[in-house]
């Protein structure tokens, strides 16, 4: 039963993502830009941490 629930949530999430991109492209672009910026900040933080470890 848990595998079925996982599949339902995965397909539901994918359907929502497609709907969001198709009917609200400006909001979707802003959301993905914000998420991408956050991921870049996290990656930069890890890089700075590793650089300071090596020096």
Protein backbone atom coordinates (compact mmCIF):
# COMPACT_ATOMS: atom_id res chain seq x y z
CA UNK A 1 0.00 0.00 0.00
CA UNK A 2 2.75 2.62 0.73
CA UNK A 3 4.18 2.19 -2.78
CA UNK A 4 0.77 3.04 -4.27
CA UNK A 5 0.52 6.20 -2.16
CA UNK A 6 4.03 7.22 -3.22
CA UNK A 7 3.10 6.78 -6.90
CA UNK A 8 -0.08 8.79 -6.47
CA UNK A 9 1.82 11.67 -4.86
CA UNK A 10 4.56 11.53 -7.50
CA UNK A 11 2.10 11.63 -10.42
CA UNK A 12 0.00 14.26 -8.66
CA UNK A 13 3.07 16.42 -8.13
CA UNK A 14 4.08 16.05 -11.76
CA UNK A 15 0.56 16.97 -12.91
CA UNK A 16 0.58 20.04 -10.65
CA UNK A 17 3.99 21.07 -11.97
CA UNK A 18 2.81 20.84 -15.58
CA UNK A 19 -0.39 22.74 -14.73
CA UNK A 20 1.60 25.41 -12.87
CA UNK A 21 4.01 25.93 -15.76
CA UNK A 22 1.26 25.89 -18.41
CA UNK A 23 -1.19 28.26 -16.75
CA UNK A 24 1.08 30.47 -14.61
CA UNK A 25 4.37 30.72 -16.53
CA UNK A 26 5.46 33.99 -14.91
CA UNK A 27 4.90 32.67 -11.38
CA UNK A 28 6.56 29.37 -12.29
CA UNK A 29 9.61 31.16 -13.68
CA UNK A 30 9.91 33.31 -10.57
CA UNK A 31 9.57 30.26 -8.31
CA UNK A 32 12.23 28.28 -10.18
CA UNK A 33 14.52 31.31 -10.29
CA UNK A 34 14.20 31.67 -6.51
CA UNK A 35 14.85 27.96 -5.91
CA UNK A 36 17.85 28.05 -8.26
CA UNK A 37 19.26 31.09 -6.47
CA UNK A 38 18.91 29.36 -3.13
CA UNK A 39 20.65 26.24 -4.42
CA UNK A 40 23.47 28.38 -5.77
CA UNK A 41 23.90 30.05 -2.38
CA UNK A 42 24.04 26.64 -0.68
CA UNK A 43 26.63 25.39 -3.17
CA UNK A 44 28.69 28.55 -2.72
CA UNK A 45 28.53 28.10 1.06
CA UNK A 46 29.83 24.53 0.77
CA UNK A 47 32.58 25.72 -1.55
CA UNK A 48 33.61 28.48 0.83
CA UNK A 49 33.59 26.02 3.71
CA UNK A 50 35.79 23.53 1.87
CA UNK A 51 38.14 26.31 0.75
CA UNK A 52 38.55 27.53 4.32
CA UNK A 53 39.21 23.96 5.45
CA UNK A 54 42.09 23.62 2.99
CA UNK A 55 43.83 26.88 3.92
